[in-house]
Amino acid sequence: MISYITPKDVSDMMHAVATTPPDDTSYITDQMMKEQPALVEYLFRLDDLPFDLEETIEFSESERDYIFYICIVVWKILSQSTRPTPTVTWSDIFSVIDDYEYNFVRLIKEGSGKVAGAALQMIEEHPEPELLRFITDAMRPRADDPNFPPIRPEYHAIATMVFQIVLTAMFSNGKHN
């Protein structure tokens, strides 16, 4: 039986990753590269990937570090959970992206009420709601810290989409929602 990820699991892993000594950081990246090479390459190539936007995307180094940090936390939580985490392929990633683009366009055409309803349904039906909450909170501005999240406002939606693509791809292995 699969046990669900708890808020404590997320908090503990965030702390573990954030306090990893600099000498051990490359070990974590190497470990992720062995287990999820397509995801690591996807994260390294964010500026080169198609987002079907008219302008190019150029994340700063600190923005890239933050995106990578969030994705490492997600990967480590899933890899240490009882849930099987298959190796994600480029085909899986592009399938998730294609599905998101299709559903996003469809929802926009149906109106804002459908978008809100679809978001609520996704949260209710997500196999790991704490991870979905974690990636959502990772991009939520904080009243006590005007510099959070450390992503430029014009890139908030794109970073959120990257987090969602990574999370969905890790669950799907070609069979995402």
N, C-alpha and C. Protein backbone atom coordinates (compact mmCIF):
# COMPACT_ATOMS: atom_id res chain seq x y z
N MET A 1 0.84 -1.19 0.00
CA MET A 1 0.00 0.00 0.00
C MET A 1 0.88 1.25 0.00
N ILE A 2 0.47 2.22 -0.78
CA ILE A 2 1.22 3.47 -0.87
C ILE A 2 0.78 4.40 0.24
N SER A 3 1.75 4.90 1.02
CA SER A 3 1.41 5.88 2.04
C SER A 3 1.67 7.27 1.46
N TYR A 4 0.82 8.19 1.82
CA TYR A 4 0.91 9.53 1.25
C TYR A 4 2.01 10.34 1.92
N ILE A 5 2.54 11.26 1.16
CA ILE A 5 3.57 12.17 1.64
C ILE A 5 2.90 13.20 2.55
N THR A 6 3.53 13.45 3.68
CA THR A 6 2.97 14.36 4.68
C THR A 6 3.66 15.72 4.62
N PRO A 7 3.06 16.73 5.25
CA PRO A 7 3.73 18.03 5.33
C PRO A 7 5.10 17.91 6.02
N LYS A 8 5.21 17.04 7.01
CA LYS A 8 6.49 16.84 7.70
C LYS A 8 7.53 16.26 6.74
N ASP A 9 7.13 15.32 5.89
CA ASP A 9 8.06 14.76 4.89
C ASP A 9 8.62 15.88 4.02
N VAL A 10 7.74 16.75 3.58
CA VAL A 10 8.16 17.86 2.70
C VAL A 10 9.08 18.81 3.46
N SER A 11 8.69 19.20 4.66
CA SER A 11 9.49 20.11 5.47
C SER A 11 10.87 19.53 5.78
N ASP A 12 10.90 18.26 6.16
CA ASP A 12 12.18 17.61 6.48
C ASP A 12 13.09 17.57 5.25
N MET A 13 12.54 17.25 4.10
CA MET A 13 13.37 17.17 2.89
C MET A 13 13.83 18.55 2.45
N MET A 14 12.97 19.55 2.56
CA MET A 14 13.39 20.92 2.23
C MET A 14 14.59 21.30 3.07
N HIS A 15 14.51 21.01 4.37
CA HIS A 15 15.61 21.34 5.29
C HIS A 15 16.87 20.55 4.93
N ALA A 16 16.70 19.25 4.65
CA ALA A 16 17.87 18.42 4.32
C ALA A 16 18.57 18.91 3.07
N VAL A 17 17.79 19.25 2.05
CA VAL A 17 18.40 19.72 0.79
C VAL A 17 19.01 21.11 0.98
N ALA A 18 18.31 21.99 1.67
CA ALA A 18 18.79 23.36 1.87
C ALA A 18 20.06 23.41 2.71
N THR A 19 20.24 22.45 3.61
CA THR A 19 21.41 22.46 4.49
C THR A 19 22.50 21.48 4.05
N THR A 20 22.37 20.98 2.83
CA THR A 20 23.40 20.09 2.30
C THR A 20 24.71 20.88 2.16
N PRO A 21 25.80 20.35 2.73
CA PRO A 21 27.08 21.06 2.58
C PRO A 21 27.46 21.20 1.10
N PRO A 22 28.10 22.30 0.74
CA PRO A 22 28.47 22.53 -0.66
C PRO A 22 29.24 21.36 -1.29
N ASP A 23 30.08 20.70 -0.51
CA ASP A 23 30.85 19.57 -1.05
C ASP A 23 29.95 18.41 -1.45
N ASP A 24 28.77 18.29 -0.84
CA ASP A 24 27.86 17.18 -1.13
C ASP A 24 26.82 17.52 -2.19
N THR A 25 26.72 18.78 -2.57
CA THR A 25 25.71 19.20 -3.54
C THR A 25 25.90 18.50 -4.88
N SER A 26 27.12 18.37 -5.33
CA SER A 26 27.34 17.70 -6.62
C SER A 26 26.96 16.22 -6.54
N TYR A 27 27.11 15.62 -5.36
CA TYR A 27 26.70 14.22 -5.20
C TYR A 27 25.19 14.08 -5.42
N ILE A 28 24.41 15.00 -4.87
CA ILE A 28 22.95 14.95 -5.05
C ILE A 28 22.59 15.13 -6.52
N THR A 29 23.23 16.09 -7.18
CA THR A 29 22.98 16.31 -8.60
C THR A 29 23.36 15.08 -9.41
N ASP A 30 24.51 14.50 -9.10
CA ASP A 30 24.95 13.28 -9.80
C ASP A 30 23.97 12.13 -9.58
N GLN A 31 23.49 12.01 -8.36
CA GLN A 31 22.52 10.95 -8.03
C GLN A 31 21.23 11.15 -8.83
N MET A 32 20.75 12.40 -8.90
CA MET A 32 19.54 12.67 -9.67
C MET A 32 19.79 12.42 -11.15
N MET A 33 20.98 12.78 -11.62
CA MET A 33 21.32 12.56 -13.03
C MET A 33 21.29 11.06 -13.36
N LYS A 34 21.73 10.22 -12.44
CA LYS A 34 21.70 8.76 -12.67
C LYS A 34 20.27 8.24 -12.71
N GLU A 35 19.42 8.75 -11.81
CA GLU A 35 18.05 8.25 -11.70
C GLU A 35 17.08 8.92 -12.66
N GLN A 36 17.29 10.20 -12.94
CA GLN A 36 16.35 10.96 -13.77
C GLN A 36 17.12 11.85 -14.76
N PRO A 37 17.88 11.24 -15.68
CA PRO A 37 18.71 12.05 -16.58
C PRO A 37 17.91 13.01 -17.46
N ALA A 38 16.77 12.60 -17.96
CA ALA A 38 15.98 13.50 -18.83
C ALA A 38 15.48 14.71 -18.04
N LEU A 39 15.06 14.50 -16.79
CA LEU A 39 14.59 15.63 -15.98
C LEU A 39 15.72 16.61 -15.69
N VAL A 40 16.90 16.09 -15.37
CA VAL A 40 18.03 16.98 -15.10
C VAL A 40 18.38 17.77 -16.36
N GLU A 41 18.42 17.11 -17.49
CA GLU A 41 18.72 17.82 -18.74
C GLU A 41 17.63 18.86 -19.03
N TYR A 42 16.38 18.49 -18.82
CA TYR A 42 15.27 19.44 -19.00
C TYR A 42 15.51 20.69 -18.16
N LEU A 43 15.89 20.50 -16.90
CA LEU A 43 16.12 21.64 -16.01
C LEU A 43 17.34 22.46 -16.44
N PHE A 44 18.37 21.80 -16.96
CA PHE A 44 19.55 22.52 -17.43
C PHE A 44 19.28 23.29 -18.72
N ARG A 45 18.29 22.86 -19.48
CA ARG A 45 18.02 23.46 -20.79
C ARG A 45 16.77 24.33 -20.81
N LEU A 46 16.33 24.84 -19.71
CA LEU A 46 15.08 25.60 -19.66
C LEU A 46 15.01 26.74 -20.66
N ASP A 47 16.10 27.44 -20.86
CA ASP A 47 16.06 28.57 -21.80
C ASP A 47 15.92 28.12 -23.25
N ASP A 48 16.26 26.86 -23.52
CA ASP A 48 16.23 26.35 -24.89
C ASP A 48 14.94 25.63 -25.24
N LEU A 49 14.09 25.42 -24.28
CA LEU A 49 12.90 24.60 -24.51
C LEU A 49 11.74 25.42 -25.05
N PRO A 50 10.90 24.79 -25.84
CA PRO A 50 9.75 25.51 -26.38
C PRO A 50 8.66 25.68 -25.32
N PHE A 51 8.29 26.91 -25.08
CA PHE A 51 7.15 27.20 -24.22
C PHE A 51 6.06 27.86 -25.05
N ASP A 52 6.24 27.88 -26.34
CA ASP A 52 5.31 28.51 -27.26
C ASP A 52 5.01 29.96 -26.88
N LEU A 53 6.04 30.66 -26.47
CA LEU A 53 5.92 32.07 -26.15
C LEU A 53 6.60 32.87 -27.25
N GLU A 54 6.16 34.08 -27.43
CA GLU A 54 6.73 34.91 -28.47
C GLU A 54 8.11 35.45 -28.07
N GLU A 55 8.35 35.56 -26.78
CA GLU A 55 9.64 36.07 -26.34
C GLU A 55 10.49 34.93 -25.79
N THR A 56 11.79 35.13 -25.78
CA THR A 56 12.67 34.10 -25.24
C THR A 56 12.68 34.18 -23.72
N ILE A 57 13.01 33.07 -23.12
CA ILE A 57 13.07 32.99 -21.66
C ILE A 57 14.54 32.92 -21.27
N GLU A 58 14.93 33.78 -20.35
CA GLU A 58 16.30 33.77 -19.87
C GLU A 58 16.28 33.86 -18.35
N PHE A 59 16.25 32.69 -17.72
CA PHE A 59 16.29 32.65 -16.26
C PHE A 59 17.68 33.08 -15.80
N SER A 60 17.74 33.82 -14.69
CA SER A 60 19.03 34.18 -14.10
C SER A 60 19.59 32.94 -13.39
N GLU A 61 20.83 33.02 -13.00
CA GLU A 61 21.45 31.89 -12.30
C GLU A 61 20.73 31.60 -10.98
N SER A 62 20.35 32.65 -10.25
CA SER A 62 19.66 32.42 -8.98
C SER A 62 18.25 31.84 -9.21
N GLU A 63 17.59 32.24 -10.29
CA GLU A 63 16.29 31.67 -10.62
C GLU A 63 16.44 30.19 -10.98
N ARG A 64 17.46 29.87 -11.76
CA ARG A 64 17.72 28.48 -12.12
C ARG A 64 18.02 27.65 -10.88
N ASP A 65 18.82 28.21 -9.96
CA ASP A 65 19.16 27.50 -8.72
C ASP A 65 17.89 27.20 -7.91
N TYR A 66 17.01 28.16 -7.83
CA TYR A 66 15.77 27.97 -7.08
C TYR A 66 14.89 26.90 -7.73
N ILE A 67 14.75 26.97 -9.05
CA ILE A 67 13.96 25.96 -9.77
C ILE A 67 14.56 24.58 -9.55
N PHE A 68 15.87 24.49 -9.65
CA PHE A 68 16.54 23.20 -9.46
C PHE A 68 16.35 22.71 -8.02
N TYR A 69 16.46 23.61 -7.04
CA TYR A 69 16.25 23.25 -5.64
C TYR A 69 14.86 22.65 -5.42
N ILE A 70 13.83 23.32 -5.92
CA ILE A 70 12.46 22.82 -5.75
C ILE A 70 12.31 21.45 -6.40
N CYS A 71 12.86 21.28 -7.59
CA CYS A 71 12.75 20.00 -8.29
C CYS A 71 13.55 18.89 -7.61
N ILE A 72 14.69 19.24 -7.02
CA ILE A 72 15.45 18.24 -6.25
C ILE A 72 14.64 17.79 -5.05
N VAL A 73 14.01 18.71 -4.36
CA VAL A 73 13.18 18.34 -3.20
C VAL A 73 12.08 17.39 -3.64
N VAL A 74 11.38 17.70 -4.73
CA VAL A 74 10.31 16.83 -5.24
C VAL A 74 10.87 15.45 -5.57
N TRP A 75 11.97 15.41 -6.31
CA TRP A 75 12.57 14.14 -6.70
C TRP A 75 12.99 13.32 -5.48
N LYS A 76 13.67 13.96 -4.52
CA LYS A 76 14.14 13.22 -3.34
C LYS A 76 12.97 12.69 -2.52
N ILE A 77 11.93 13.49 -2.36
CA ILE A 77 10.77 13.03 -1.60
C ILE A 77 10.16 11.80 -2.28
N LEU A 78 9.96 11.90 -3.59
CA LEU A 78 9.37 10.78 -4.31
C LEU A 78 10.29 9.56 -4.33
N SER A 79 11.57 9.78 -4.51
CA SER A 79 12.49 8.63 -4.59
C SER A 79 12.63 7.92 -3.25
N GLN A 80 12.34 8.62 -2.16
CA GLN A 80 12.43 7.99 -0.84
C GLN A 80 11.07 7.56 -0.31
N SER A 81 10.03 7.77 -1.09
CA SER A 81 8.69 7.37 -0.65
C SER A 81 8.42 5.93 -1.07
N THR A 82 7.27 5.43 -0.66
CA THR A 82 6.89 4.07 -1.04
C THR A 82 6.28 4.03 -2.44
N ARG A 83 6.05 5.19 -3.02
CA ARG A 83 5.47 5.27 -4.37
C ARG A 83 6.55 4.97 -5.41
N PRO A 84 6.28 4.07 -6.33
CA PRO A 84 7.28 3.81 -7.38
C PRO A 84 7.49 5.05 -8.24
N THR A 85 8.74 5.37 -8.50
CA THR A 85 9.07 6.54 -9.31
C THR A 85 9.88 6.07 -10.50
N PRO A 86 9.21 5.84 -11.64
CA PRO A 86 9.93 5.36 -12.82
C PRO A 86 10.83 6.45 -13.41
N THR A 87 11.79 6.02 -14.19
CA THR A 87 12.67 6.96 -14.87
C THR A 87 11.86 7.69 -15.94
N VAL A 88 11.92 9.01 -15.90
CA VAL A 88 11.19 9.85 -16.85
C VAL A 88 12.02 9.99 -18.12
N THR A 89 11.35 9.88 -19.25
CA THR A 89 12.02 10.03 -20.55
C THR A 89 11.65 11.38 -21.16
N TRP A 90 12.38 11.74 -22.21
CA TRP A 90 12.02 12.97 -22.94
C TRP A 90 10.63 12.82 -23.53
N SER A 91 10.28 11.65 -23.96
CA SER A 91 8.95 11.42 -24.51
C SER A 91 7.89 11.73 -23.45
N ASP A 92 8.13 11.29 -22.21
CA ASP A 92 7.20 11.59 -21.12
C ASP A 92 7.08 13.09 -20.91
N ILE A 93 8.21 13.78 -20.88
CA ILE A 93 8.20 15.23 -20.65
C ILE A 93 7.43 15.95 -21.75
N PHE A 94 7.73 15.62 -23.01
CA PHE A 94 7.04 16.30 -24.11
C PHE A 94 5.56 15.94 -24.16
N SER A 95 5.22 14.74 -23.74
CA SER A 95 3.81 14.34 -23.68
C SER A 95 3.06 15.18 -22.64
N VAL A 96 3.68 15.37 -21.49
CA VAL A 96 3.07 16.21 -20.45
C VAL A 96 2.92 17.65 -20.95
N ILE A 97 3.97 18.18 -21.58
CA ILE A 97 3.91 19.55 -22.10
C ILE A 97 2.79 19.68 -23.14
N ASP A 98 2.72 18.74 -24.07
CA ASP A 98 1.67 18.78 -25.09
C ASP A 98 0.28 18.74 -24.47
N ASP A 99 0.10 17.88 -23.48
CA ASP A 99 -1.19 17.77 -22.82
C ASP A 99 -1.55 19.05 -22.08
N TYR A 100 -0.56 19.67 -21.41
CA TYR A 100 -0.81 20.92 -20.70
C TYR A 100 -1.22 22.01 -21.67
N GLU A 101 -0.50 22.11 -22.78
CA GLU A 101 -0.84 23.15 -23.76
C GLU A 101 -2.25 22.95 -24.29
N TYR A 102 -2.59 21.72 -24.62
CA TYR A 102 -3.93 21.42 -25.15
C TYR A 102 -5.00 21.78 -24.13
N ASN A 103 -4.83 21.31 -22.90
CA ASN A 103 -5.84 21.57 -21.87
C ASN A 103 -5.92 23.04 -21.49
N PHE A 104 -4.79 23.73 -21.48
CA PHE A 104 -4.79 25.14 -21.15
C PHE A 104 -5.58 25.94 -22.18
N VAL A 105 -5.31 25.69 -23.45
CA VAL A 105 -6.02 26.39 -24.52
C VAL A 105 -7.52 26.09 -24.44
N ARG A 106 -7.87 24.83 -24.22
CA ARG A 106 -9.28 24.43 -24.11
C ARG A 106 -9.96 25.15 -22.95
N LEU A 107 -9.29 25.20 -21.79
CA LEU A 107 -9.88 25.85 -20.62
C LEU A 107 -10.04 27.35 -20.83
N ILE A 108 -9.05 27.98 -21.45
CA ILE A 108 -9.13 29.42 -21.71
C ILE A 108 -10.34 29.72 -22.60
N LYS A 109 -10.56 28.91 -23.60
CA LYS A 109 -11.71 29.10 -24.49
C LYS A 109 -13.02 28.94 -23.76
N GLU A 110 -13.05 28.09 -22.72
CA GLU A 110 -14.29 27.85 -21.97
C GLU A 110 -14.56 28.91 -20.91
N GLY A 111 -13.56 29.74 -20.59
CA GLY A 111 -13.77 30.83 -19.64
C GLY A 111 -13.08 30.61 -18.32
N SER A 112 -12.95 31.70 -17.56
CA SER A 112 -12.18 31.66 -16.31
C SER A 112 -12.81 30.75 -15.25
N GLY A 113 -14.11 30.61 -15.25
CA GLY A 113 -14.75 29.71 -14.29
C GLY A 113 -14.30 28.29 -14.47
N LYS A 114 -14.09 27.87 -15.70
CA LYS A 114 -13.62 26.51 -15.98
C LYS A 114 -12.18 26.32 -15.51
N VAL A 115 -11.35 27.37 -15.64
CA VAL A 115 -9.96 27.28 -15.20
C VAL A 115 -9.92 27.06 -13.69
N ALA A 116 -10.68 27.84 -12.94
CA ALA A 116 -10.69 27.70 -11.48
C ALA A 116 -11.22 26.33 -11.09
N GLY A 117 -12.27 25.88 -11.73
CA GLY A 117 -12.83 24.56 -11.44
C GLY A 117 -11.85 23.45 -11.74
N ALA A 118 -11.13 23.58 -12.84
CA ALA A 118 -10.14 22.56 -13.22
C ALA A 118 -9.00 22.53 -12.22
N ALA A 119 -8.59 23.70 -11.73
CA ALA A 119 -7.51 23.75 -10.73
C ALA A 119 -7.94 23.06 -9.44
N LEU A 120 -9.17 23.33 -9.00
CA LEU A 120 -9.67 22.67 -7.79
C LEU A 120 -9.78 21.16 -7.97
N GLN A 121 -10.25 20.73 -9.12
CA GLN A 121 -10.36 19.30 -9.41
C GLN A 121 -8.98 18.65 -9.40
N MET A 122 -7.99 19.33 -9.98
CA MET A 122 -6.65 18.78 -10.03
C MET A 122 -6.10 18.58 -8.62
N ILE A 123 -6.33 19.55 -7.74
CA ILE A 123 -5.87 19.44 -6.35
C ILE A 123 -6.57 18.28 -5.66
N GLU A 124 -7.87 18.17 -5.83
CA GLU A 124 -8.64 17.11 -5.17
C GLU A 124 -8.23 15.73 -5.66
N GLU A 125 -7.86 15.60 -6.93
CA GLU A 125 -7.57 14.29 -7.50
C GLU A 125 -6.09 13.96 -7.56
N HIS A 126 -5.24 14.87 -7.14
CA HIS A 126 -3.80 14.64 -7.26
C HIS A 126 -3.36 13.49 -6.36
N PRO A 127 -2.48 12.61 -6.88
CA PRO A 127 -2.04 11.47 -6.07
C PRO A 127 -1.21 11.86 -4.85
N GLU A 128 -0.58 13.00 -4.88
CA GLU A 128 0.20 13.49 -3.74
C GLU A 128 -0.09 14.97 -3.51
N PRO A 129 -1.18 15.27 -2.83
CA PRO A 129 -1.56 16.68 -2.66
C PRO A 129 -0.52 17.53 -1.93
N GLU A 130 0.26 16.94 -1.04
CA GLU A 130 1.29 17.73 -0.34
C GLU A 130 2.38 18.21 -1.29
N LEU A 131 2.73 17.40 -2.28
CA LEU A 131 3.73 17.85 -3.25
C LEU A 131 3.15 18.93 -4.15
N LEU A 132 1.90 18.80 -4.51
CA LEU A 132 1.26 19.85 -5.30
C LEU A 132 1.20 21.14 -4.50
N ARG A 133 0.87 21.04 -3.22
CA ARG A 133 0.84 22.22 -2.35
C ARG A 133 2.24 22.83 -2.24
N PHE A 134 3.25 21.97 -2.12
CA PHE A 134 4.64 22.44 -2.01
C PHE A 134 5.05 23.26 -3.24
N ILE A 135 4.78 22.74 -4.44
CA ILE A 135 5.21 23.49 -5.63
C ILE A 135 4.38 24.75 -5.82
N THR A 136 3.13 24.73 -5.36
CA THR A 136 2.30 25.94 -5.42
C THR A 136 2.83 26.98 -4.44
N ASP A 137 3.12 26.54 -3.21
CA ASP A 137 3.66 27.47 -2.20
C ASP A 137 5.03 28.01 -2.60
N ALA A 138 5.78 27.23 -3.38
CA ALA A 138 7.11 27.66 -3.80
C ALA A 138 7.05 28.92 -4.65
N MET A 139 5.89 29.19 -5.25
CA MET A 139 5.75 30.37 -6.10
C MET A 139 4.79 31.41 -5.52
N ARG A 140 4.34 31.20 -4.30
CA ARG A 140 3.40 32.13 -3.68
C ARG A 140 4.17 33.26 -2.99
N PRO A 141 3.90 34.51 -3.35
CA PRO A 141 4.57 35.64 -2.68
C PRO A 141 4.28 35.63 -1.17
N ARG A 142 5.22 36.17 -0.41
CA ARG A 142 5.09 36.20 1.05
C ARG A 142 5.12 37.64 1.53
N ALA A 143 4.19 37.97 2.39
CA ALA A 143 4.10 39.35 2.90
C ALA A 143 5.36 39.75 3.68
N ASP A 144 5.97 38.79 4.37
CA ASP A 144 7.14 39.10 5.18
C ASP A 144 8.45 39.11 4.39
N ASP A 145 8.40 38.77 3.11
CA ASP A 145 9.61 38.74 2.28
C ASP A 145 9.27 39.20 0.86
N PRO A 146 9.49 40.48 0.57
CA PRO A 146 9.12 41.01 -0.74
C PRO A 146 9.94 40.41 -1.89
N ASN A 147 11.03 39.72 -1.59
CA ASN A 147 11.86 39.11 -2.64
C ASN A 147 11.53 37.63 -2.87
N PHE A 148 10.44 37.17 -2.26
CA PHE A 148 10.06 35.77 -2.44
C PHE A 148 8.82 35.70 -3.31
N PRO A 149 8.78 34.78 -4.22
CA PRO A 149 9.82 33.80 -4.57
C PRO A 149 10.94 34.48 -5.35
N PRO A 150 12.13 33.87 -5.36
CA PRO A 150 13.27 34.49 -6.03
C PRO A 150 13.24 34.31 -7.55
N ILE A 151 12.07 34.54 -8.13
CA ILE A 151 11.85 34.46 -9.57
C ILE A 151 11.18 35.77 -9.97
N ARG A 152 11.62 36.37 -11.05
CA ARG A 152 10.99 37.61 -11.51
C ARG A 152 9.50 37.38 -11.72
N PRO A 153 8.67 38.36 -11.39
CA PRO A 153 7.21 38.19 -11.51
C PRO A 153 6.76 37.73 -12.90
N GLU A 154 7.41 38.21 -13.94
CA GLU A 154 6.99 37.81 -15.29
C GLU A 154 7.30 36.34 -15.58
N TYR A 155 8.09 35.70 -14.74
CA TYR A 155 8.41 34.27 -14.93
C TYR A 155 7.72 33.36 -13.92
N HIS A 156 6.90 33.92 -13.04
CA HIS A 156 6.20 33.09 -12.04
C HIS A 156 5.40 31.97 -12.68
N ALA A 157 4.59 32.32 -13.67
CA ALA A 157 3.74 31.30 -14.30
C ALA A 157 4.58 30.24 -15.00
N ILE A 158 5.66 30.65 -15.62
CA ILE A 158 6.52 29.69 -16.32
C ILE A 158 7.19 28.75 -15.33
N ALA A 159 7.71 29.30 -14.23
CA ALA A 159 8.35 28.45 -13.21
C ALA A 159 7.34 27.48 -12.60
N THR A 160 6.13 27.96 -12.33
CA THR A 160 5.09 27.08 -11.80
C THR A 160 4.79 25.96 -12.79
N MET A 161 4.75 26.29 -14.07
CA MET A 161 4.51 25.28 -15.10
C MET A 161 5.66 24.27 -15.13
N VAL A 162 6.89 24.72 -14.99
CA VAL A 162 8.04 23.80 -14.96
C VAL A 162 7.88 22.83 -13.79
N PHE A 163 7.55 23.36 -12.61
CA PHE A 163 7.37 22.49 -11.44
C PHE A 163 6.27 21.46 -11.69
N GLN A 164 5.18 21.91 -12.28
CA GLN A 164 4.05 21.02 -12.54
C GLN A 164 4.42 19.96 -13.58
N ILE A 165 5.18 20.35 -14.60
CA ILE A 165 5.62 19.40 -15.63
C ILE A 165 6.50 18.33 -15.00
N VAL A 166 7.45 18.74 -14.17
CA VAL A 166 8.35 17.78 -13.51
C VAL A 166 7.55 16.84 -12.62
N LEU A 167 6.68 17.38 -11.80
CA LEU A 167 5.88 16.54 -10.89
C LEU A 167 4.99 15.58 -11.67
N THR A 168 4.31 16.07 -12.67
CA THR A 168 3.41 15.22 -13.47
C THR A 168 4.20 14.14 -14.20
N ALA A 169 5.33 14.50 -14.77
CA ALA A 169 6.14 13.52 -15.49
C ALA A 169 6.62 12.42 -14.56
N MET A 170 6.95 12.78 -13.32
CA MET A 170 7.43 11.76 -12.38
C MET A 170 6.32 10.79 -11.98
N PHE A 171 5.10 11.23 -12.04
CA PHE A 171 3.97 10.36 -11.72
C PHE A 171 3.48 9.57 -12.91
N SER A 172 3.72 10.11 -14.09
CA SER A 172 3.02 9.57 -15.24
C SER A 172 3.70 8.42 -15.95
N ASN A 173 4.99 8.60 -16.27
CA ASN A 173 5.68 7.63 -17.12
C ASN A 173 4.85 7.31 -18.35
N GLY A 174 4.38 8.39 -19.01
CA GLY A 174 3.58 8.23 -20.23
C GLY A 174 2.10 8.14 -19.99
N LYS A 175 1.66 8.20 -18.74
CA LYS A 175 0.24 8.04 -18.44
C LYS A 175 -0.24 9.15 -17.50
N HIS A 176 0.02 10.41 -17.82
CA HIS A 176 -0.37 11.51 -16.96
C HIS A 176 -1.85 11.85 -17.16
N ASN A 177 -2.37 12.66 -16.21
CA ASN A 177 -3.78 13.09 -16.27
C ASN A 177 -3.92 14.21 -17.27
